[in-house]
Amino acid sequence: MDHWRYLLVLVACLVLTAPLEFLGPGVYRRPRLLLGALLPTVVLFVAWDLVAIAGGVWDFNPRYLLGVFLPGAIPLEELLFFLVVPLCGLLTYVAVETLLDMGRRAARSATKGQR
């Protein structure tokens, strides 16, 4: 079961933030926003990982990995991490932005009604 741990944490992140897609304009429905957020993050941190792995700065405990490695010795889970975490952050940001905007509009409506 330990081999699935890293992947299960990523799945849990996706499951917990998935309902946020339905608040406001969402993220999956805006591919340019999604690509604009993910592409720089993935490119930067995969490059960072490749340099750090090649330099022996860090490695990964095989106990918590499935054993699938991409070129440069990056575990599959690590690449997925660079996709999942920014995606979950973006889902959260868009949802909070939507809720705050709804609150502001409600406050403005209440203020107009008091005049």
PDB file of N, CA and C in Angstrom:
ATOM      1  N   MET A   1       0.811  -1.204   0.000  1.00  0.00           N
ATOM      2  CA  MET A   1       0.000   0.000   0.000  1.00  0.00           C
ATOM      3  C   MET A   1       0.849   1.261   0.000  1.00  0.00           C
ATOM      4  N   ASP A   2       2.024   1.193   0.573  1.00  0.00           N
ATOM      5  CA  ASP A   2       2.891   2.373   0.630  1.00  0.00           C
ATOM      6  C   ASP A   2       3.215   2.920  -0.754  1.00  0.00           C
ATOM      7  N   HIS A   3       3.323   2.031  -1.759  1.00  0.00           N
ATOM      8  CA  HIS A   3       3.666   2.463  -3.108  1.00  0.00           C
ATOM      9  C   HIS A   3       2.625   3.416  -3.698  1.00  0.00           C
ATOM     10  N   TRP A   4       1.431   3.373  -3.186  1.00  0.00           N
ATOM     11  CA  TRP A   4       0.339   4.204  -3.706  1.00  0.00           C
ATOM     12  C   TRP A   4       0.183   5.518  -2.949  1.00  0.00           C
ATOM     13  N   ARG A   5       0.951   5.700  -1.885  1.00  0.00           N
ATOM     14  CA  ARG A   5       0.720   6.828  -0.985  1.00  0.00           C
ATOM     15  C   ARG A   5       0.816   8.194  -1.679  1.00  0.00           C
ATOM     16  N   TYR A   6       1.873   8.439  -2.408  1.00  0.00           N
ATOM     17  CA  TYR A   6       2.070   9.728  -3.084  1.00  0.00           C
ATOM     18  C   TYR A   6       0.915   9.978  -4.055  1.00  0.00           C
ATOM     19  N   LEU A   7       0.582   8.965  -4.828  1.00  0.00           N
ATOM     20  CA  LEU A   7      -0.503   9.094  -5.802  1.00  0.00           C
ATOM     21  C   LEU A   7      -1.849   9.303  -5.112  1.00  0.00           C
ATOM     22  N   LEU A   8      -2.084   8.632  -4.006  1.00  0.00           N
ATOM     23  CA  LEU A   8      -3.344   8.794  -3.281  1.00  0.00           C
ATOM     24  C   LEU A   8      -3.502  10.198  -2.699  1.00  0.00           C
ATOM     25  N   VAL A   9      -2.411  10.794  -2.269  1.00  0.00           N
ATOM     26  CA  VAL A   9      -2.476  12.173  -1.772  1.00  0.00           C
ATOM     27  C   VAL A   9      -2.885  13.113  -2.908  1.00  0.00           C
ATOM     28  N   LEU A  10      -2.336  12.896  -4.097  1.00  0.00           N
ATOM     29  CA  LEU A  10      -2.691  13.730  -5.245  1.00  0.00           C
ATOM     30  C   LEU A  10      -4.158  13.541  -5.634  1.00  0.00           C
ATOM     31  N   VAL A  11      -4.621  12.306  -5.597  1.00  0.00           N
ATOM     32  CA  VAL A  11      -6.030  12.034  -5.903  1.00  0.00           C
ATOM     33  C   VAL A  11      -6.930  12.699  -4.863  1.00  0.00           C
ATOM     34  N   ALA A  12      -6.543  12.641  -3.608  1.00  0.00           N
ATOM     35  CA  ALA A  12      -7.327  13.283  -2.550  1.00  0.00           C
ATOM     36  C   ALA A  12      -7.413  14.796  -2.786  1.00  0.00           C
ATOM     37  N   CYS A  13      -6.320  15.395  -3.197  1.00  0.00           N
ATOM     38  CA  CYS A  13      -6.332  16.841  -3.497  1.00  0.00           C
ATOM     39  C   CYS A  13      -7.327  17.143  -4.609  1.00  0.00           C
ATOM     40  N   LEU A  14      -7.312  16.332  -5.648  1.00  0.00           N
ATOM     41  CA  LEU A  14      -8.238  16.548  -6.771  1.00  0.00           C
ATOM     42  C   LEU A  14      -9.689  16.336  -6.342  1.00  0.00           C
ATOM     43  N   VAL A  15      -9.934  15.303  -5.580  1.00  0.00           N
ATOM     44  CA  VAL A  15     -11.298  14.999  -5.137  1.00  0.00           C
ATOM     45  C   VAL A  15     -11.837  16.112  -4.242  1.00  0.00           C
ATOM     46  N   LEU A  16     -11.004  16.609  -3.339  1.00  0.00           N
ATOM     47  CA  LEU A  16     -11.453  17.646  -2.406  1.00  0.00           C
ATOM     48  C   LEU A  16     -11.717  18.984  -3.095  1.00  0.00           C
ATOM     49  N   THR A  17     -10.980  19.282  -4.155  1.00  0.00           N
ATOM     50  CA  THR A  17     -11.175  20.564  -4.828  1.00  0.00           C
ATOM     51  C   THR A  17     -12.090  20.469  -6.051  1.00  0.00           C
ATOM     52  N   ALA A  18     -12.445  19.279  -6.486  1.00  0.00           N
ATOM     53  CA  ALA A  18     -13.286  19.113  -7.681  1.00  0.00           C
ATOM     54  C   ALA A  18     -14.606  19.885  -7.598  1.00  0.00           C
ATOM     55  N   PRO A  19     -15.308  19.878  -6.474  1.00  0.00           N
ATOM     56  CA  PRO A  19     -16.574  20.624  -6.421  1.00  0.00           C
ATOM     57  C   PRO A  19     -16.425  22.129  -6.642  1.00  0.00           C
ATOM     58  N   LEU A  20     -15.234  22.654  -6.444  1.00  0.00           N
ATOM     59  CA  LEU A  20     -15.010  24.086  -6.636  1.00  0.00           C
ATOM     60  C   LEU A  20     -15.195  24.500  -8.098  1.00  0.00           C
ATOM     61  N   GLU A  21     -15.108  23.547  -9.004  1.00  0.00           N
ATOM     62  CA  GLU A  21     -15.307  23.840 -10.431  1.00  0.00           C
ATOM     63  C   GLU A  21     -16.693  24.415 -10.684  1.00  0.00           C
ATOM     64  N   PHE A  22     -17.634  24.079  -9.842  1.00  0.00           N
ATOM     65  CA  PHE A  22     -19.022  24.488 -10.065  1.00  0.00           C
ATOM     66  C   PHE A  22     -19.357  25.839  -9.445  1.00  0.00           C
ATOM     67  N   LEU A  23     -18.371  26.471  -8.813  1.00  0.00           N
ATOM     68  CA  LEU A  23     -18.561  27.830  -8.290  1.00  0.00           C
ATOM     69  C   LEU A  23     -18.046  28.808  -9.337  1.00  0.00           C
ATOM     70  N   GLY A  24     -18.912  29.572  -9.904  1.00  0.00           N
ATOM     71  CA  GLY A  24     -18.504  30.589 -10.879  1.00  0.00           C
ATOM     72  C   GLY A  24     -18.090  30.018 -12.209  1.00  0.00           C
ATOM     73  N   PRO A  25     -17.146  30.693 -12.862  1.00  0.00           N
ATOM     74  CA  PRO A  25     -16.769  30.311 -14.225  1.00  0.00           C
ATOM     75  C   PRO A  25     -15.925  29.047 -14.300  1.00  0.00           C
ATOM     76  N   GLY A  26     -15.461  28.549 -13.169  1.00  0.00           N
ATOM     77  CA  GLY A  26     -14.683  27.322 -13.157  1.00  0.00           C
ATOM     78  C   GLY A  26     -13.301  27.483 -13.748  1.00  0.00           C
ATOM     79  N   VAL A  27     -12.618  26.365 -13.845  1.00  0.00           N
ATOM     80  CA  VAL A  27     -11.260  26.333 -14.370  1.00  0.00           C
ATOM     81  C   VAL A  27     -11.191  25.442 -15.603  1.00  0.00           C
ATOM     82  N   TYR A  28     -11.791  24.266 -15.506  1.00  0.00           N
ATOM     83  CA  TYR A  28     -11.737  23.322 -16.620  1.00  0.00           C
ATOM     84  C   TYR A  28     -12.444  23.883 -17.853  1.00  0.00           C
ATOM     85  N   ARG A  29     -13.389  24.762 -17.642  1.00  0.00           N
ATOM     86  CA  ARG A  29     -14.133  25.359 -18.749  1.00  0.00           C
ATOM     87  C   ARG A  29     -13.393  26.536 -19.376  1.00  0.00           C
ATOM     88  N   ARG A  30     -12.229  26.852 -18.857  1.00  0.00           N
ATOM     89  CA  ARG A  30     -11.416  27.957 -19.382  1.00  0.00           C
ATOM     90  C   ARG A  30     -10.007  27.434 -19.676  1.00  0.00           C
ATOM     91  N   PRO A  31      -9.861  26.745 -20.798  1.00  0.00           N
ATOM     92  CA  PRO A  31      -8.582  26.089 -21.088  1.00  0.00           C
ATOM     93  C   PRO A  31      -7.392  27.038 -21.192  1.00  0.00           C
ATOM     94  N   ARG A  32      -7.613  28.266 -21.648  1.00  0.00           N
ATOM     95  CA  ARG A  32      -6.488  29.210 -21.737  1.00  0.00           C
ATOM     96  C   ARG A  32      -5.980  29.571 -20.347  1.00  0.00           C
ATOM     97  N   LEU A  33      -6.887  29.776 -19.405  1.00  0.00           N
ATOM     98  CA  LEU A  33      -6.503  30.052 -18.020  1.00  0.00           C
ATOM     99  C   LEU A  33      -5.747  28.861 -17.444  1.00  0.00           C
ATOM    100  N   LEU A  34      -6.291  27.678 -17.661  1.00  0.00           N
ATOM    101  CA  LEU A  34      -5.689  26.451 -17.140  1.00  0.00           C
ATOM    102  C   LEU A  34      -4.294  26.245 -17.713  1.00  0.00           C
ATOM    103  N   LEU A  35      -4.159  26.360 -19.008  1.00  0.00           N
ATOM    104  CA  LEU A  35      -2.855  26.185 -19.651  1.00  0.00           C
ATOM    105  C   LEU A  35      -1.876  27.276 -19.212  1.00  0.00           C
ATOM    106  N   GLY A  36      -2.365  28.505 -19.099  1.00  0.00           N
ATOM    107  CA  GLY A  36      -1.514  29.604 -18.669  1.00  0.00           C
ATOM    108  C   GLY A  36      -0.990  29.445 -17.255  1.00  0.00           C
ATOM    109  N   ALA A  37      -1.757  28.769 -16.426  1.00  0.00           N
ATOM    110  CA  ALA A  37      -1.316  28.531 -15.045  1.00  0.00           C
ATOM    111  C   ALA A  37      -0.419  27.303 -14.940  1.00  0.00           C
ATOM    112  N   LEU A  38      -0.733  26.269 -15.678  1.00  0.00           N
ATOM    113  CA  LEU A  38       0.002  25.016 -15.538  1.00  0.00           C
ATOM    114  C   LEU A  38       1.314  24.972 -16.315  1.00  0.00           C
ATOM    115  N   LEU A  39       1.304  25.460 -17.538  1.00  0.00           N
ATOM    116  CA  LEU A  39       2.483  25.298 -18.389  1.00  0.00           C
ATOM    117  C   LEU A  39       3.756  25.897 -17.780  1.00  0.00           C
ATOM    118  N   PRO A  40       3.740  27.157 -17.347  1.00  0.00           N
ATOM    119  CA  PRO A  40       4.982  27.691 -16.767  1.00  0.00           C
ATOM    120  C   PRO A  40       5.411  26.944 -15.505  1.00  0.00           C
ATOM    121  N   THR A  41       4.446  26.565 -14.696  1.00  0.00           N
ATOM    122  CA  THR A  41       4.743  25.851 -13.451  1.00  0.00           C
ATOM    123  C   THR A  41       5.393  24.512 -13.740  1.00  0.00           C
ATOM    124  N   VAL A  42       4.787  23.755 -14.635  1.00  0.00           N
ATOM    125  CA  VAL A  42       5.306  22.428 -14.956  1.00  0.00           C
ATOM    126  C   VAL A  42       6.699  22.538 -15.572  1.00  0.00           C
ATOM    127  N   VAL A  43       6.863  23.422 -16.522  1.00  0.00           N
ATOM    128  CA  VAL A  43       8.170  23.566 -17.189  1.00  0.00           C
ATOM    129  C   VAL A  43       9.247  23.966 -16.184  1.00  0.00           C
ATOM    130  N   LEU A  44       8.964  24.975 -15.375  1.00  0.00           N
ATOM    131  CA  LEU A  44       9.954  25.453 -14.403  1.00  0.00           C
ATOM    132  C   LEU A  44      10.338  24.375 -13.395  1.00  0.00           C
ATOM    133  N   PHE A  45       9.345  23.733 -12.796  1.00  0.00           N
ATOM    134  CA  PHE A  45       9.656  22.793 -11.720  1.00  0.00           C
ATOM    135  C   PHE A  45      10.160  21.445 -12.220  1.00  0.00           C
ATOM    136  N   VAL A  46       9.783  21.039 -13.420  1.00  0.00           N
ATOM    137  CA  VAL A  46      10.384  19.823 -13.986  1.00  0.00           C
ATOM    138  C   VAL A  46      11.855  20.089 -14.287  1.00  0.00           C
ATOM    139  N   ALA A  47      12.158  21.257 -14.839  1.00  0.00           N
ATOM    140  CA  ALA A  47      13.562  21.610 -15.093  1.00  0.00           C
ATOM    141  C   ALA A  47      14.343  21.649 -13.775  1.00  0.00           C
ATOM    142  N   TRP A  48      13.740  22.254 -12.773  1.00  0.00           N
ATOM    143  CA  TRP A  48      14.366  22.332 -11.447  1.00  0.00           C
ATOM    144  C   TRP A  48      14.648  20.918 -10.917  1.00  0.00           C
ATOM    145  N   ASP A  49      13.660  20.055 -11.005  1.00  0.00           N
ATOM    146  CA  ASP A  49      13.834  18.674 -10.543  1.00  0.00           C
ATOM    147  C   ASP A  49      14.936  17.955 -11.313  1.00  0.00           C
ATOM    148  N   LEU A  50      14.958  18.123 -12.628  1.00  0.00           N
ATOM    149  CA  LEU A  50      15.986  17.461 -13.438  1.00  0.00           C
ATOM    150  C   LEU A  50      17.383  17.879 -12.992  1.00  0.00           C
ATOM    151  N   VAL A  51      17.574  19.164 -12.747  1.00  0.00           N
ATOM    152  CA  VAL A  51      18.877  19.665 -12.302  1.00  0.00           C
ATOM    153  C   VAL A  51      19.207  19.111 -10.919  1.00  0.00           C
ATOM    154  N   ALA A  52      18.227  19.151 -10.012  1.00  0.00           N
ATOM    155  CA  ALA A  52      18.465  18.685  -8.640  1.00  0.00           C
ATOM    156  C   ALA A  52      18.733  17.182  -8.593  1.00  0.00           C
ATOM    157  N   ILE A  53      18.024  16.414  -9.383  1.00  0.00           N
ATOM    158  CA  ILE A  53      18.240  14.960  -9.415  1.00  0.00           C
ATOM    159  C   ILE A  53      19.603  14.651 -10.011  1.00  0.00           C
ATOM    160  N   ALA A  54      19.928  15.299 -11.138  1.00  0.00           N
ATOM    161  CA  ALA A  54      21.219  15.065 -11.798  1.00  0.00           C
ATOM    162  C   ALA A  54      22.381  15.468 -10.890  1.00  0.00           C
ATOM    163  N   GLY A  55      22.187  16.514 -10.099  1.00  0.00           N
ATOM    164  CA  GLY A  55      23.237  16.980  -9.193  1.00  0.00           C
ATOM    165  C   GLY A  55      23.293  16.220  -7.886  1.00  0.00           C
ATOM    166  N   GLY A  56      22.386  15.287  -7.688  1.00  0.00           N
ATOM    167  CA  GLY A  56      22.370  14.518  -6.443  1.00  0.00           C
ATOM    168  C   GLY A  56      21.865  15.315  -5.257  1.00  0.00           C
ATOM    169  N   VAL A  57      21.184  16.436  -5.518  1.00  0.00           N
ATOM    170  CA  VAL A  57      20.667  17.269  -4.434  1.00  0.00           C
ATOM    171  C   VAL A  57      19.527  16.563  -3.724  1.00  0.00           C
ATOM    172  N   TRP A  58      18.665  15.887  -4.488  1.00  0.00           N
ATOM    173  CA  TRP A  58      17.614  15.102  -3.858  1.00  0.00           C
ATOM    174  C   TRP A  58      17.246  13.910  -4.701  1.00  0.00           C
ATOM    175  N   ASP A  59      16.558  13.011  -4.019  1.00  0.00           N
ATOM    176  CA  ASP A  59      16.036  11.824  -4.694  1.00  0.00           C
ATOM    177  C   ASP A  59      14.693  11.495  -4.066  1.00  0.00           C
ATOM    178  N   PHE A  60      14.124  10.376  -4.421  1.00  0.00           N
ATOM    179  CA  PHE A  60      12.780  10.020  -3.980  1.00  0.00           C
ATOM    180  C   PHE A  60      12.808   8.643  -3.343  1.00  0.00           C
ATOM    181  N   ASN A  61      12.066   8.507  -2.271  1.00  0.00           N
ATOM    182  CA  ASN A  61      12.003   7.238  -1.569  1.00  0.00           C
ATOM    183  C   ASN A  61      11.151   6.264  -2.378  1.00  0.00           C
ATOM    184  N   PRO A  62      11.740   5.199  -2.894  1.00  0.00           N
ATOM    185  CA  PRO A  62      10.992   4.256  -3.729  1.00  0.00           C
ATOM    186  C   PRO A  62       9.855   3.543  -2.977  1.00  0.00           C
ATOM    187  N   ARG A  63       9.902   3.586  -1.662  1.00  0.00           N
ATOM    188  CA  ARG A  63       8.840   2.954  -0.868  1.00  0.00           C
ATOM    189  C   ARG A  63       7.476   3.577  -1.162  1.00  0.00           C
ATOM    190  N   TYR A  64       7.459   4.873  -1.517  1.00  0.00           N
ATOM    191  CA  TYR A  64       6.206   5.596  -1.713  1.00  0.00           C
ATOM    192  C   TYR A  64       5.877   5.856  -3.178  1.00  0.00           C
ATOM    193  N   LEU A  65       6.576   5.203  -4.078  1.00  0.00           N
ATOM    194  CA  LEU A  65       6.384   5.425  -5.507  1.00  0.00           C
ATOM    195  C   LEU A  65       5.936   4.146  -6.200  1.00  0.00           C
ATOM    196  N   LEU A  66       5.266   4.327  -7.325  1.00  0.00           N
ATOM    197  CA  LEU A  66       4.844   3.173  -8.122  1.00  0.00           C
ATOM    198  C   LEU A  66       6.015   2.536  -8.864  1.00  0.00           C
ATOM    199  N   GLY A  67       7.067   3.302  -9.090  1.00  0.00           N
ATOM    200  CA  GLY A  67       8.230   2.780  -9.802  1.00  0.00           C
ATOM    201  C   GLY A  67       8.265   3.168 -11.267  1.00  0.00           C
ATOM    202  N   VAL A  68       7.371   4.068 -11.684  1.00  0.00           N
ATOM    203  CA  VAL A  68       7.374   4.559 -13.062  1.00  0.00           C
ATOM    204  C   VAL A  68       8.185   5.853 -13.083  1.00  0.00           C
ATOM    205  N   PHE A  69       9.274   5.834 -13.854  1.00  0.00           N
ATOM    206  CA  PHE A  69      10.148   7.001 -13.923  1.00  0.00           C
ATOM    207  C   PHE A  69      10.181   7.544 -15.347  1.00  0.00           C
ATOM    208  N   LEU A  70      10.168   8.853 -15.436  1.00  0.00           N
ATOM    209  CA  LEU A  70      10.257   9.536 -16.717  1.00  0.00           C
ATOM    210  C   LEU A  70      11.726   9.823 -17.011  1.00  0.00           C
ATOM    211  N   PRO A  71      12.058  10.218 -18.236  1.00  0.00           N
ATOM    212  CA  PRO A  71      13.455  10.538 -18.529  1.00  0.00           C
ATOM    213  C   PRO A  71      14.013  11.562 -17.533  1.00  0.00           C
ATOM    214  N   GLY A  72      15.212  11.306 -17.081  1.00  0.00           N
ATOM    215  CA  GLY A  72      15.839  12.172 -16.083  1.00  0.00           C
ATOM    216  C   GLY A  72      15.592  11.682 -14.675  1.00  0.00           C
ATOM    217  N   ALA A  73      14.977  10.522 -14.525  1.00  0.00           N
ATOM    218  CA  ALA A  73      14.705   9.885 -13.226  1.00  0.00           C
ATOM    219  C   ALA A  73      13.645  10.604 -12.412  1.00  0.00           C
ATOM    220  N   ILE A  74      12.741  11.324 -13.080  1.00  0.00           N
ATOM    221  CA  ILE A  74      11.626  11.956 -12.366  1.00  0.00           C
ATOM    222  C   ILE A  74      10.503  10.933 -12.228  1.00  0.00           C
ATOM    223  N   PRO A  75      10.061  10.675 -10.999  1.00  0.00           N
ATOM    224  CA  PRO A  75       8.948   9.745 -10.822  1.00  0.00           C
ATOM    225  C   PRO A  75       7.652  10.316 -11.416  1.00  0.00           C
ATOM    226  N   LEU A  76       6.823   9.448 -11.896  1.00  0.00           N
ATOM    227  CA  LEU A  76       5.534   9.856 -12.455  1.00  0.00           C
ATOM    228  C   LEU A  76       4.759  10.709 -11.461  1.00  0.00           C
ATOM    229  N   GLU A  77       4.782  10.319 -10.204  1.00  0.00           N
ATOM    230  CA  GLU A  77       4.047  11.050  -9.175  1.00  0.00           C
ATOM    231  C   GLU A  77       4.542  12.482  -9.038  1.00  0.00           C
ATOM    232  N   GLU A  78       5.836  12.695  -9.244  1.00  0.00           N
ATOM    233  CA  GLU A  78       6.391  14.044  -9.133  1.00  0.00           C
ATOM    234  C   GLU A  78       5.870  14.926 -10.266  1.00  0.00           C
ATOM    235  N   LEU A  79       5.824  14.392 -11.465  1.00  0.00           N
ATOM    236  CA  LEU A  79       5.259  15.150 -12.583  1.00  0.00           C
ATOM    237  C   LEU A  79       3.787  15.454 -12.323  1.00  0.00           C
ATOM    238  N   LEU A  80       3.056  14.470 -11.853  1.00  0.00           N
ATOM    239  CA  LEU A  80       1.642  14.688 -11.537  1.00  0.00           C
ATOM    240  C   LEU A  80       1.472  15.734 -10.438  1.00  0.00           C
ATOM    241  N   PHE A  81       2.400  15.753  -9.485  1.00  0.00           N
ATOM    242  CA  PHE A  81       2.365  16.763  -8.424  1.00  0.00           C
ATOM    243  C   PHE A  81       2.405  18.162  -9.027  1.00  0.00           C
ATOM    244  N   PHE A  82       3.262  18.360 -10.029  1.00  0.00           N
ATOM    245  CA  PHE A  82       3.392  19.674 -10.657  1.00  0.00           C
ATOM    246  C   PHE A  82       2.174  20.049 -11.488  1.00  0.00           C
ATOM    247  N   LEU A  83       1.326  19.109 -11.783  1.00  0.00           N
ATOM    248  CA  LEU A  83       0.062  19.388 -12.456  1.00  0.00           C
ATOM    249  C   LEU A  83      -1.076  19.558 -11.450  1.00  0.00           C
ATOM    250  N   VAL A  84      -1.146  18.655 -10.493  1.00  0.00           N
ATOM    251  CA  VAL A  84      -2.270  18.605  -9.557  1.00  0.00           C
ATOM    252  C   VAL A  84      -2.269  19.776  -8.575  1.00  0.00           C
ATOM    253  N   VAL A  85      -1.155  20.075  -7.970  1.00  0.00           N
ATOM    254  CA  VAL A  85      -1.126  21.116  -6.936  1.00  0.00           C
ATOM    255  C   VAL A  85      -1.466  22.497  -7.510  1.00  0.00           C
ATOM    256  N   PRO A  86      -0.867  22.907  -8.639  1.00  0.00           N
ATOM    257  CA  PRO A  86      -1.298  24.191  -9.199  1.00  0.00           C
ATOM    258  C   PRO A  86      -2.763  24.177  -9.641  1.00  0.00           C
ATOM    259  N   LEU A  87      -3.236  23.057 -10.151  1.00  0.00           N
ATOM    260  CA  LEU A  87      -4.638  22.949 -10.544  1.00  0.00           C
ATOM    261  C   LEU A  87      -5.545  23.126  -9.338  1.00  0.00           C
ATOM    262  N   CYS A  88      -5.234  22.472  -8.244  1.00  0.00           N
ATOM    263  CA  CYS A  88      -6.042  22.605  -7.028  1.00  0.00           C
ATOM    264  C   CYS A  88      -5.975  24.033  -6.485  1.00  0.00           C
ATOM    265  N   GLY A  89      -4.796  24.634  -6.555  1.00  0.00           N
ATOM    266  CA  GLY A  89      -4.657  26.027  -6.131  1.00  0.00           C
ATOM    267  C   GLY A  89      -5.476  26.964  -7.000  1.00  0.00           C
ATOM    268  N   LEU A  90      -5.464  26.725  -8.299  1.00  0.00           N
ATOM    269  CA  LEU A  90      -6.234  27.562  -9.214  1.00  0.00           C
ATOM    270  C   LEU A  90      -7.735  27.385  -8.998  1.00  0.00           C
ATOM    271  N   LEU A  91      -8.173  26.154  -8.790  1.00  0.00           N
ATOM    272  CA  LEU A  91      -9.589  25.904  -8.487  1.00  0.00           C
ATOM    273  C   LEU A  91     -10.000  26.661  -7.226  1.00  0.00           C
ATOM    274  N   THR A  92      -9.161  26.609  -6.214  1.00  0.00           N
ATOM    275  CA  THR A  92      -9.453  27.299  -4.956  1.00  0.00           C
ATOM    276  C   THR A  92      -9.478  28.807  -5.157  1.00  0.00           C
ATOM    277  N   TYR A  93      -8.494  29.330  -5.865  1.00  0.00           N
ATOM    278  CA  TYR A  93      -8.424  30.772  -6.104  1.00  0.00           C
ATOM    279  C   TYR A  93      -9.664  31.276  -6.841  1.00  0.00           C
ATOM    280  N   VAL A  94     -10.046  30.595  -7.914  1.00  0.00           N
ATOM    281  CA  VAL A  94     -11.205  31.025  -8.708  1.00  0.00           C
ATOM    282  C   VAL A  94     -12.485  30.933  -7.877  1.00  0.00           C
ATOM    283  N   ALA A  95     -12.606  29.884  -7.064  1.00  0.00           N
ATOM    284  CA  ALA A  95     -13.793  29.743  -6.227  1.00  0.00           C
ATOM    285  C   ALA A  95     -13.863  30.852  -5.176  1.00  0.00           C
ATOM    286  N   VAL A  96     -12.750  31.142  -4.523  1.00  0.00           N
ATOM    287  CA  VAL A  96     -12.732  32.205  -3.512  1.00  0.00           C
ATOM    288  C   VAL A  96     -13.000  33.558  -4.166  1.00  0.00           C
ATOM    289  N   GLU A  97     -12.393  33.797  -5.323  1.00  0.00           N
ATOM    290  CA  GLU A  97     -12.637  35.036  -6.048  1.00  0.00           C
ATOM    291  C   GLU A  97     -14.125  35.191  -6.384  1.00  0.00           C
ATOM    292  N   THR A  98     -14.757  34.113  -6.808  1.00  0.00           N
ATOM    293  CA  THR A  98     -16.183  34.131  -7.135  1.00  0.00           C
ATOM    294  C   THR A  98     -17.026  34.433  -5.897  1.00  0.00           C
ATOM    295  N   LEU A  99     -16.715  33.768  -4.785  1.00  0.00           N
ATOM    296  CA  LEU A  99     -17.475  33.985  -3.549  1.00  0.00           C
ATOM    297  C   LEU A  99     -17.294  35.414  -3.028  1.00  0.00           C
ATOM    298  N   LEU A 100     -16.081  35.924  -3.095  1.00  0.00           N
ATOM    299  CA  LEU A 100     -15.849  37.301  -2.655  1.00  0.00           C
ATOM    300  C   LEU A 100     -16.606  38.290  -3.535  1.00  0.00           C
ATOM    301  N   ASP A 101     -16.624  38.044  -4.833  1.00  0.00           N
ATOM    302  CA  ASP A 101     -17.359  38.915  -5.757  1.00  0.00           C
ATOM    303  C   ASP A 101     -18.854  38.869  -5.452  1.00  0.00           C
ATOM    304  N   MET A 102     -19.362  37.682  -5.160  1.00  0.00           N
ATOM    305  CA  MET A 102     -20.789  37.554  -4.805  1.00  0.00           C
ATOM    306  C   MET A 102     -21.080  38.333  -3.523  1.00  0.00           C
ATOM    307  N   GLY A 103     -20.184  38.262  -2.561  1.00  0.00           N
ATOM    308  CA  GLY A 103     -20.347  38.991  -1.309  1.00  0.00           C
ATOM    309  C   GLY A 103     -20.328  40.501  -1.525  1.00  0.00           C
ATOM    310  N   ARG A 104     -19.425  40.960  -2.387  1.00  0.00           N
ATOM    311  CA  ARG A 104     -19.356  42.387  -2.688  1.00  0.00           C
ATOM    312  C   ARG A 104     -20.633  42.874  -3.356  1.00  0.00           C
ATOM    313  N   ARG A 105     -21.136  42.087  -4.310  1.00  0.00           N
ATOM    314  CA  ARG A 105     -22.372  42.474  -4.997  1.00  0.00           C
ATOM    315  C   ARG A 105     -23.548  42.495  -4.028  1.00  0.00           C
ATOM    316  N   ALA A 106     -23.601  41.520  -3.127  1.00  0.00           N
ATOM    317  CA  ALA A 106     -24.676  41.482  -2.143  1.00  0.00           C
ATOM    318  C   ALA A 106     -24.590  42.696  -1.213  1.00  0.00           C
ATOM    319  N   ALA A 107     -23.379  43.046  -0.823  1.00  0.00           N
ATOM    320  CA  ALA A 107     -23.190  44.215   0.051  1.00  0.00           C
ATOM    321  C   ALA A 107     -23.609  45.497  -0.666  1.00  0.00           C
ATOM    322  N   ARG A 108     -23.261  45.612  -1.944  1.00  0.00           N
ATOM    323  CA  ARG A 108     -23.666  46.804  -2.713  1.00  0.00           C
ATOM    324  C   ARG A 108     -25.173  46.872  -2.851  1.00  0.00           C
ATOM    325  N   SER A 109     -25.811  45.733  -3.081  1.00  0.00           N
ATOM    326  CA  SER A 109     -27.277  45.699  -3.203  1.00  0.00           C
ATOM    327  C   SER A 109     -27.942  46.107  -1.890  1.00  0.00           C
ATOM    328  N   ALA A 110     -27.382  45.612  -0.789  1.00  0.00           N
ATOM    329  CA  ALA A 110     -27.942  45.953   0.532  1.00  0.00           C
ATOM    330  C   ALA A 110     -27.780  47.440   0.809  1.00  0.00           C
ATOM    331  N   THR A 111     -26.640  47.996   0.408  1.00  0.00           N
ATOM    332  CA  THR A 111     -26.364  49.411   0.623  1.00  0.00           C
ATOM    333  C   THR A 111     -27.324  50.266  -0.206  1.00  0.00           C
ATOM    334  N   LYS A 112     -27.578  49.886  -1.434  1.00  0.00           N
ATOM    335  CA  LYS A 112     -28.497  50.613  -2.304  1.00  0.00           C
ATOM    336  C   LYS A 112     -29.916  50.570  -1.766  1.00  0.00           C
ATOM    337  N   GLY A 113     -30.272  49.441  -1.155  1.00  0.00           N
ATOM    338  CA  GLY A 113     -31.620  49.288  -0.596  1.00  0.00           C
ATOM    339  C   GLY A 113     -31.850  50.127   0.628  1.00  0.00           C
ATOM    340  N   GLN A 114     -30.778  50.537   1.313  1.00  0.00           N
ATOM    341  CA  GLN A 114     -30.902  51.346   2.533  1.00  0.00           C
ATOM    342  C   GLN A 114     -31.040  52.823   2.218  1.00  0.00           C
ATOM    343  N   ARG A 115     -30.762  53.216   1.007  1.00  0.00           N
ATOM    344  CA  ARG A 115     -30.816  54.654   0.669  1.00  0.00           C
ATOM    345  C   ARG A 115     -32.192  55.150   0.490  1.00  0.00           C
TER     346      ARG A 115
END
